[in-house]
């Protein structure tokens, strides 16, 4: 059941993601006509998959309505694509739930409590939680809290696989963080990109930055946010943006 739900989520994300379209077109040879991406059958399949995600509680009402509207526009022929080649890199954010506003109330405490993000733990006694106290929320209604409740070890949340966009050699991850106790924030580009940062987080909100470099020949990568040590760390307003000139070839 969990595996099927995950496949549905990945299917819809690929259908609706402009980054996936860039990766698709980058494989079409120069002068070769690309096949039709959004046939009536594909739109219908995407709508059915989206309905399944909504029924299974894997997507919020707001996200559901936004994606439904995009599919309706595609069906009517009025959808306007925002090609990466015409975009300012600073406006392209790989992170879909960077404000941690979309929570998963059915998740275990030592797993991701937020939609889109994955997560698990490697030893220790940790819990993830959505924070609502205003002094621990930088913007919106929630922030992401990660707390060591006993024995230290390591816990983490991670992005899905993200495509390496043609022309982009580096990406920058930023997140606002504040902490208490003997905590350590451990950020890591993995499985297609490299870049690591370990840092103790203080009691005031600060923006943490890390640049990652794409590995030669890699087509995608993942990004992990780990917390080690004791204490608590709160996270909010995460972004992951490409650096440099974007292109479609």
C-alpha atoms as a PDB file:
ATOM      1  CA  UNK A   1       0.000   0.000   0.000  1.00  0.00           C
ATOM      2  CA  UNK A   2       2.747   2.449   0.958  1.00  0.00           C
ATOM      3  CA  UNK A   3       4.759   1.472  -2.119  1.00  0.00           C
ATOM      4  CA  UNK A   4       1.768   2.025  -4.409  1.00  0.00           C
ATOM      5  CA  UNK A   5       1.037   5.408  -2.872  1.00  0.00           C
ATOM      6  CA  UNK A   6       4.650   6.440  -3.338  1.00  0.00           C
ATOM      7  CA  UNK A   7       4.575   5.423  -7.004  1.00  0.00           C
ATOM      8  CA  UNK A   8       1.426   7.471  -7.552  1.00  0.00           C
ATOM      9  CA  UNK A   9       3.061  10.503  -5.917  1.00  0.00           C
ATOM     10  CA  UNK A  10       6.185  10.192  -8.076  1.00  0.00           C
ATOM     11  CA  UNK A  11       4.068   9.710 -11.211  1.00  0.00           C
ATOM     12  CA  UNK A  12       2.093  12.897 -10.685  1.00  0.00           C
ATOM     13  CA  UNK A  13       5.175  14.885  -9.680  1.00  0.00           C
ATOM     14  CA  UNK A  14       6.878  13.896 -12.921  1.00  0.00           C
ATOM     15  CA  UNK A  15       3.793  14.697 -14.964  1.00  0.00           C
ATOM     16  CA  UNK A  16       3.413  18.171 -13.490  1.00  0.00           C
ATOM     17  CA  UNK A  17       7.012  19.242 -12.949  1.00  0.00           C
ATOM     18  CA  UNK A  18       8.582  21.707 -15.423  1.00  0.00           C
ATOM     19  CA  UNK A  19      11.999  20.354 -14.397  1.00  0.00           C
ATOM     20  CA  UNK A  20      10.964  16.924 -15.598  1.00  0.00           C
ATOM     21  CA  UNK A  21       9.990  18.429 -18.937  1.00  0.00           C
ATOM     22  CA  UNK A  22      13.419  20.041 -19.263  1.00  0.00           C
ATOM     23  CA  UNK A  23      15.082  16.692 -18.583  1.00  0.00           C
ATOM     24  CA  UNK A  24      12.804  15.097 -21.202  1.00  0.00           C
ATOM     25  CA  UNK A  25      13.557  17.638 -23.912  1.00  0.00           C
ATOM     26  CA  UNK A  26      17.289  17.591 -23.230  1.00  0.00           C
ATOM     27  CA  UNK A  27      17.324  14.034 -24.603  1.00  0.00           C
ATOM     28  CA  UNK A  28      15.785  15.017 -27.969  1.00  0.00           C
ATOM     29  CA  UNK A  29      18.383  15.424 -30.712  1.00  0.00           C
ATOM     30  CA  UNK A  30      18.769  18.770 -32.452  1.00  0.00           C
ATOM     31  CA  UNK A  31      16.329  19.115 -35.347  1.00  0.00           C
ATOM     32  CA  UNK A  32      14.293  16.126 -34.171  1.00  0.00           C
ATOM     33  CA  UNK A  33      10.641  16.780 -33.430  1.00  0.00           C
ATOM     34  CA  UNK A  34       9.746  16.040 -29.834  1.00  0.00           C
ATOM     35  CA  UNK A  35       6.761  13.756 -29.278  1.00  0.00           C
ATOM     36  CA  UNK A  36       3.549  15.238 -27.943  1.00  0.00           C
ATOM     37  CA  UNK A  37       3.930  15.477 -24.169  1.00  0.00           C
ATOM     38  CA  UNK A  38       0.396  16.327 -23.139  1.00  0.00           C
ATOM     39  CA  UNK A  39      -1.986  14.130 -25.092  1.00  0.00           C
ATOM     40  CA  UNK A  40      -5.600  13.800 -23.939  1.00  0.00           C
ATOM     41  CA  UNK A  41      -4.816  10.337 -22.609  1.00  0.00           C
ATOM     42  CA  UNK A  42      -1.877  11.541 -20.542  1.00  0.00           C
ATOM     43  CA  UNK A  43      -3.903  14.395 -19.088  1.00  0.00           C
ATOM     44  CA  UNK A  44      -6.663  11.958 -18.098  1.00  0.00           C
ATOM     45  CA  UNK A  45      -4.104   9.633 -16.488  1.00  0.00           C
ATOM     46  CA  UNK A  46      -2.631  12.564 -14.556  1.00  0.00           C
ATOM     47  CA  UNK A  47      -6.087  13.605 -13.349  1.00  0.00           C
ATOM     48  CA  UNK A  48      -6.829  10.072 -12.141  1.00  0.00           C
ATOM     49  CA  UNK A  49      -3.480   9.828 -10.342  1.00  0.00           C
ATOM     50  CA  UNK A  50      -4.072  13.222  -8.755  1.00  0.00           C
ATOM     51  CA  UNK A  51      -7.522  12.132  -7.530  1.00  0.00           C
ATOM     52  CA  UNK A  52      -5.927   9.021  -6.008  1.00  0.00           C
ATOM     53  CA  UNK A  53      -3.326  11.130  -4.171  1.00  0.00           C
ATOM     54  CA  UNK A  54      -6.091  13.356  -2.794  1.00  0.00           C
ATOM     55  CA  UNK A  55      -8.150  10.346  -1.646  1.00  0.00           C
ATOM     56  CA  UNK A  56      -5.107   8.836   0.077  1.00  0.00           C
ATOM     57  CA  UNK A  57      -4.323  12.098   1.898  1.00  0.00           C
ATOM     58  CA  UNK A  58      -0.972  12.555   0.149  1.00  0.00           C
ATOM     59  CA  UNK A  59      -1.685  16.070  -1.098  1.00  0.00           C
ATOM     60  CA  UNK A  60      -3.348  19.124   0.420  1.00  0.00           C
ATOM     61  CA  UNK A  61      -6.551  20.689  -0.925  1.00  0.00           C
ATOM     62  CA  UNK A  62      -4.610  23.742  -2.096  1.00  0.00           C
ATOM     63  CA  UNK A  63      -2.051  21.656  -3.993  1.00  0.00           C
ATOM     64  CA  UNK A  64      -4.842  19.516  -5.450  1.00  0.00           C
ATOM     65  CA  UNK A  65      -6.727  22.542  -6.789  1.00  0.00           C
ATOM     66  CA  UNK A  66      -3.566  24.127  -8.224  1.00  0.00           C
ATOM     67  CA  UNK A  67      -2.543  20.986 -10.092  1.00  0.00           C
ATOM     68  CA  UNK A  68      -6.118  20.314 -11.243  1.00  0.00           C
ATOM     69  CA  UNK A  69      -6.294  23.846 -12.664  1.00  0.00           C
ATOM     70  CA  UNK A  70      -2.980  23.350 -14.500  1.00  0.00           C
ATOM     71  CA  UNK A  71      -4.269  20.135 -16.081  1.00  0.00           C
ATOM     72  CA  UNK A  72      -7.529  21.841 -17.069  1.00  0.00           C
ATOM     73  CA  UNK A  73      -5.524  24.606 -18.768  1.00  0.00           C
ATOM     74  CA  UNK A  74      -3.473  22.002 -20.641  1.00  0.00           C
ATOM     75  CA  UNK A  75      -6.630  20.251 -21.828  1.00  0.00           C
ATOM     76  CA  UNK A  76      -8.081  23.578 -23.026  1.00  0.00           C
ATOM     77  CA  UNK A  77      -4.838  24.559 -24.747  1.00  0.00           C
ATOM     78  CA  UNK A  78      -4.327  27.705 -22.700  1.00  0.00           C
ATOM     79  CA  UNK A  79      -1.502  26.543 -20.425  1.00  0.00           C
ATOM     80  CA  UNK A  80       1.517  28.860 -20.552  1.00  0.00           C
ATOM     81  CA  UNK A  81       4.785  27.073 -19.873  1.00  0.00           C
ATOM     82  CA  UNK A  82       7.477  28.775 -17.786  1.00  0.00           C
ATOM     83  CA  UNK A  83      10.563  27.401 -19.547  1.00  0.00           C
ATOM     84  CA  UNK A  84      13.717  27.348 -17.473  1.00  0.00           C
ATOM     85  CA  UNK A  85      15.672  29.046 -20.265  1.00  0.00           C
ATOM     86  CA  UNK A  86      13.504  32.164 -19.774  1.00  0.00           C
ATOM     87  CA  UNK A  87      13.685  32.144 -15.986  1.00  0.00           C
ATOM     88  CA  UNK A  88      15.910  33.884 -13.513  1.00  0.00           C
ATOM     89  CA  UNK A  89      17.746  31.049 -11.691  1.00  0.00           C
ATOM     90  CA  UNK A  90      16.896  32.691  -8.357  1.00  0.00           C
ATOM     91  CA  UNK A  91      13.191  32.173  -9.151  1.00  0.00           C
ATOM     92  CA  UNK A  92      13.519  28.425  -9.742  1.00  0.00           C
ATOM     93  CA  UNK A  93      13.121  26.574  -6.449  1.00  0.00           C
ATOM     94  CA  UNK A  94      13.434  22.781  -6.445  1.00  0.00           C
ATOM     95  CA  UNK A  95      11.807  22.564  -2.986  1.00  0.00           C
ATOM     96  CA  UNK A  96       8.026  22.166  -3.085  1.00  0.00           C
ATOM     97  CA  UNK A  97       7.177  22.337   0.634  1.00  0.00           C
ATOM     98  CA  UNK A  98       9.991  24.608   1.804  1.00  0.00           C
ATOM     99  CA  UNK A  99       7.843  26.384   4.374  1.00  0.00           C
ATOM    100  CA  UNK A 100       6.788  23.032   5.923  1.00  0.00           C
ATOM    101  CA  UNK A 101       3.167  24.211   5.775  1.00  0.00           C
ATOM    102  CA  UNK A 102       1.838  20.953   4.317  1.00  0.00           C
ATOM    103  CA  UNK A 103       1.945  18.478   7.201  1.00  0.00           C
ATOM    104  CA  UNK A 104       1.332  14.724   7.322  1.00  0.00           C
ATOM    105  CA  UNK A 105      -0.677  13.934  10.424  1.00  0.00           C
ATOM    106  CA  UNK A 106      -0.583  10.186   9.748  1.00  0.00           C
ATOM    107  CA  UNK A 107       3.222   9.880   9.907  1.00  0.00           C
ATOM    108  CA  UNK A 108       5.357   8.399  12.684  1.00  0.00           C
ATOM    109  CA  UNK A 109       7.357  10.750  14.910  1.00  0.00           C
ATOM    110  CA  UNK A 110      10.706   9.439  13.695  1.00  0.00           C
ATOM    111  CA  UNK A 111       9.724   9.817  10.023  1.00  0.00           C
ATOM    112  CA  UNK A 112       8.926  12.854   7.889  1.00  0.00           C
ATOM    113  CA  UNK A 113       5.902  14.786   9.212  1.00  0.00           C
ATOM    114  CA  UNK A 114       5.699  16.903   6.031  1.00  0.00           C
ATOM    115  CA  UNK A 115       4.307  16.178   2.582  1.00  0.00           C
ATOM    116  CA  UNK A 116       6.830  15.840  -0.276  1.00  0.00           C
ATOM    117  CA  UNK A 117       9.756  15.235   2.129  1.00  0.00           C
ATOM    118  CA  UNK A 118      10.975  11.745   2.950  1.00  0.00           C
ATOM    119  CA  UNK A 119      12.626  10.853   6.252  1.00  0.00           C
ATOM    120  CA  UNK A 120      13.936   8.241   8.680  1.00  0.00           C
ATOM    121  CA  UNK A 121      16.298   7.831  11.637  1.00  0.00           C
ATOM    122  CA  UNK A 122      19.588   6.004  12.248  1.00  0.00           C
ATOM    123  CA  UNK A 123      19.683   5.228  15.949  1.00  0.00           C
ATOM    124  CA  UNK A 124      19.083   7.546  18.866  1.00  0.00           C
ATOM    125  CA  UNK A 125      15.804   8.825  20.293  1.00  0.00           C
ATOM    126  CA  UNK A 126      14.473  11.598  18.049  1.00  0.00           C
ATOM    127  CA  UNK A 127      11.143  13.004  17.040  1.00  0.00           C
ATOM    128  CA  UNK A 128      10.020  15.260  14.198  1.00  0.00           C
ATOM    129  CA  UNK A 129       7.139  17.643  14.858  1.00  0.00           C
ATOM    130  CA  UNK A 130       5.335  20.573  13.296  1.00  0.00           C
ATOM    131  CA  UNK A 131       5.791  23.704  15.397  1.00  0.00           C
ATOM    132  CA  UNK A 132       3.069  26.354  15.839  1.00  0.00           C
ATOM    133  CA  UNK A 133       4.467  28.626  18.580  1.00  0.00           C
ATOM    134  CA  UNK A 134       5.087  32.009  16.965  1.00  0.00           C
ATOM    135  CA  UNK A 135       8.562  32.473  18.413  1.00  0.00           C
ATOM    136  CA  UNK A 136       9.635  29.247  16.682  1.00  0.00           C
ATOM    137  CA  UNK A 137       7.935  29.933  13.321  1.00  0.00           C
ATOM    138  CA  UNK A 138       9.667  32.324  10.955  1.00  0.00           C
ATOM    139  CA  UNK A 139       6.824  32.610   8.428  1.00  0.00           C
ATOM    140  CA  UNK A 140       3.426  31.045   7.834  1.00  0.00           C
ATOM    141  CA  UNK A 141       1.676  28.779  10.329  1.00  0.00           C
ATOM    142  CA  UNK A 142       4.265  26.028  10.864  1.00  0.00           C
ATOM    143  CA  UNK A 143       7.973  25.352  11.032  1.00  0.00           C
ATOM    144  CA  UNK A 144       9.705  21.966  11.120  1.00  0.00           C
ATOM    145  CA  UNK A 145      10.972  20.918  14.538  1.00  0.00           C
ATOM    146  CA  UNK A 146      13.474  18.090  15.141  1.00  0.00           C
ATOM    147  CA  UNK A 147      14.095  17.150  18.785  1.00  0.00           C
ATOM    148  CA  UNK A 148      16.395  14.712  20.578  1.00  0.00           C
ATOM    149  CA  UNK A 149      14.282  13.192  23.356  1.00  0.00           C
ATOM    150  CA  UNK A 150      16.973  10.951  24.847  1.00  0.00           C
ATOM    151  CA  UNK A 151      19.957   9.088  23.382  1.00  0.00           C
ATOM    152  CA  UNK A 152      21.676  11.026  20.570  1.00  0.00           C
ATOM    153  CA  UNK A 153      22.158   9.530  17.114  1.00  0.00           C
ATOM    154  CA  UNK A 154      21.000  10.834  13.753  1.00  0.00           C
ATOM    155  CA  UNK A 155      17.682  11.637  12.107  1.00  0.00           C
ATOM    156  CA  UNK A 156      17.012  13.155   8.729  1.00  0.00           C
ATOM    157  CA  UNK A 157      14.572  14.353   6.102  1.00  0.00           C
ATOM    158  CA  UNK A 158      15.307  14.358   2.393  1.00  0.00           C
ATOM    159  CA  UNK A 159      14.080  15.521  -0.980  1.00  0.00           C
ATOM    160  CA  UNK A 160      12.931  13.136  -3.689  1.00  0.00           C
ATOM    161  CA  UNK A 161      15.316  12.622  -6.605  1.00  0.00           C
ATOM    162  CA  UNK A 162      15.769  15.983  -8.347  1.00  0.00           C
ATOM    163  CA  UNK A 163      16.937  16.374 -11.974  1.00  0.00           C
ATOM    164  CA  UNK A 164      20.248  17.993 -12.805  1.00  0.00           C
ATOM    165  CA  UNK A 165      19.225  20.722 -15.239  1.00  0.00           C
ATOM    166  CA  UNK A 166      21.335  21.094 -18.407  1.00  0.00           C
ATOM    167  CA  UNK A 167      23.785  23.960 -18.069  1.00  0.00           C
ATOM    168  CA  UNK A 168      23.717  23.995 -14.277  1.00  0.00           C
ATOM    169  CA  UNK A 169      26.845  22.844 -12.471  1.00  0.00           C
ATOM    170  CA  UNK A 170      25.970  24.032  -8.947  1.00  0.00           C
ATOM    171  CA  UNK A 171      22.930  24.505  -6.732  1.00  0.00           C
ATOM    172  CA  UNK A 172      22.570  26.452  -3.501  1.00  0.00           C
ATOM    173  CA  UNK A 173      20.469  25.258  -0.573  1.00  0.00           C
ATOM    174  CA  UNK A 174      19.316  27.803   1.992  1.00  0.00           C
ATOM    175  CA  UNK A 175      17.185  27.356   5.088  1.00  0.00           C
ATOM    176  CA  UNK A 176      16.363  29.483   8.131  1.00  0.00           C
ATOM    177  CA  UNK A 177      17.185  27.705  11.382  1.00  0.00           C
ATOM    178  CA  UNK A 178      17.258  28.250  15.132  1.00  0.00           C
ATOM    179  CA  UNK A 179      18.248  25.832  17.863  1.00  0.00           C
ATOM    180  CA  UNK A 180      18.528  24.960  21.527  1.00  0.00           C
ATOM    181  CA  UNK A 181      20.897  22.653  23.372  1.00  0.00           C
ATOM    182  CA  UNK A 182      23.905  20.743  22.019  1.00  0.00           C
ATOM    183  CA  UNK A 183      22.498  20.282  18.531  1.00  0.00           C
ATOM    184  CA  UNK A 184      24.203  19.857  15.170  1.00  0.00           C
ATOM    185  CA  UNK A 185      22.710  20.528  11.732  1.00  0.00           C
ATOM    186  CA  UNK A 186      24.211  18.329   9.025  1.00  0.00           C
ATOM    187  CA  UNK A 187      23.388  19.244   5.392  1.00  0.00           C
ATOM    188  CA  UNK A 188      24.464  16.996   2.525  1.00  0.00           C
ATOM    189  CA  UNK A 189      24.106  16.787  -1.267  1.00  0.00           C
ATOM    190  CA  UNK A 190      24.044  13.112  -2.239  1.00  0.00           C
ATOM    191  CA  UNK A 191      23.650  10.596  -5.086  1.00  0.00           C
ATOM    192  CA  UNK A 192      24.682  12.825  -7.986  1.00  0.00           C
ATOM    193  CA  UNK A 193      25.983  15.987  -6.299  1.00  0.00           C
ATOM    194  CA  UNK A 194      28.491  16.790  -3.547  1.00  0.00           C
ATOM    195  CA  UNK A 195      28.577  19.360  -0.770  1.00  0.00           C
ATOM    196  CA  UNK A 196      28.508  19.051   3.034  1.00  0.00           C
ATOM    197  CA  UNK A 197      28.002  21.360   6.004  1.00  0.00           C
ATOM    198  CA  UNK A 198      27.955  20.649   9.744  1.00  0.00           C
ATOM    199  CA  UNK A 199      26.996  23.474  12.073  1.00  0.00           C
ATOM    200  CA  UNK A 200      25.671  24.093  15.576  1.00  0.00           C
ATOM    201  CA  UNK A 201      22.559  26.255  15.440  1.00  0.00           C
ATOM    202  CA  UNK A 202      22.090  29.085  17.930  1.00  0.00           C
ATOM    203  CA  UNK A 203      18.924  30.476  19.569  1.00  0.00           C
ATOM    204  CA  UNK A 204      18.237  33.199  16.967  1.00  0.00           C
ATOM    205  CA  UNK A 205      16.975  32.658  13.448  1.00  0.00           C
ATOM    206  CA  UNK A 206      19.864  32.482  10.963  1.00  0.00           C
ATOM    207  CA  UNK A 207      20.011  31.611   7.287  1.00  0.00           C
ATOM    208  CA  UNK A 208      22.253  28.620   6.594  1.00  0.00           C
ATOM    209  CA  UNK A 209      23.723  28.200   3.097  1.00  0.00           C
ATOM    210  CA  UNK A 210      25.386  25.305   1.290  1.00  0.00           C
ATOM    211  CA  UNK A 211      26.508  25.034  -2.342  1.00  0.00           C
ATOM    212  CA  UNK A 212      26.530  21.652  -4.046  1.00  0.00           C
ATOM    213  CA  UNK A 213      28.317  20.644  -7.260  1.00  0.00           C
ATOM    214  CA  UNK A 214      26.866  18.214  -9.785  1.00  0.00           C
ATOM    215  CA  UNK A 215      28.923  15.073 -10.332  1.00  0.00           C
ATOM    216  CA  UNK A 216      30.125  14.367 -13.884  1.00  0.00           C
ATOM    217  CA  UNK A 217      27.610  12.287 -15.796  1.00  0.00           C
ATOM    218  CA  UNK A 218      24.916  12.435 -13.103  1.00  0.00           C
ATOM    219  CA  UNK A 219      21.310  12.966 -14.191  1.00  0.00           C
ATOM    220  CA  UNK A 220      19.768  13.595 -10.782  1.00  0.00           C
ATOM    221  CA  UNK A 221      20.599  14.062  -7.102  1.00  0.00           C
ATOM    222  CA  UNK A 222      19.077  14.198  -3.618  1.00  0.00           C
ATOM    223  CA  UNK A 223      19.462  16.564  -0.703  1.00  0.00           C
ATOM    224  CA  UNK A 224      19.425  15.528   2.976  1.00  0.00           C
ATOM    225  CA  UNK A 225      18.892  17.504   6.156  1.00  0.00           C
ATOM    226  CA  UNK A 226      20.247  15.564   9.134  1.00  0.00           C
ATOM    227  CA  UNK A 227      20.169  16.482  12.811  1.00  0.00           C
ATOM    228  CA  UNK A 228      22.694  14.910  15.178  1.00  0.00           C
ATOM    229  CA  UNK A 229      23.601  15.482  18.810  1.00  0.00           C
ATOM    230  CA  UNK A 230      21.148  16.607  21.459  1.00  0.00           C
ATOM    231  CA  UNK A 231      18.781  19.541  21.726  1.00  0.00           C
ATOM    232  CA  UNK A 232      16.260  20.838  19.185  1.00  0.00           C
ATOM    233  CA  UNK A 233      16.458  22.500  15.771  1.00  0.00           C
ATOM    234  CA  UNK A 234      13.666  24.393  14.014  1.00  0.00           C
ATOM    235  CA  UNK A 235      13.699  24.881  10.218  1.00  0.00           C
ATOM    236  CA  UNK A 236      11.681  27.164   7.942  1.00  0.00           C
ATOM    237  CA  UNK A 237      11.657  28.686   4.443  1.00  0.00           C
ATOM    238  CA  UNK A 238      13.959  26.233   2.688  1.00  0.00           C
ATOM    239  CA  UNK A 239      15.052  26.807  -0.915  1.00  0.00           C
ATOM    240  CA  UNK A 240      17.214  24.923  -3.380  1.00  0.00           C
ATOM    241  CA  UNK A 241      18.048  26.968  -6.472  1.00  0.00           C
ATOM    242  CA  UNK A 242      20.326  26.417  -9.498  1.00  0.00           C
ATOM    243  CA  UNK A 243      23.328  28.714  -9.883  1.00  0.00           C
ATOM    244  CA  UNK A 244      24.439  29.998 -13.259  1.00  0.00           C
ATOM    245  CA  UNK A 245      22.812  30.191 -16.679  1.00  0.00           C
ATOM    246  CA  UNK A 246      19.971  27.786 -17.421  1.00  0.00           C
ATOM    247  CA  UNK A 247      19.587  26.286 -20.864  1.00  0.00           C
ATOM    248  CA  UNK A 248      17.340  23.775 -22.644  1.00  0.00           C
ATOM    249  CA  UNK A 249      20.004  21.767 -24.454  1.00  0.00           C
END
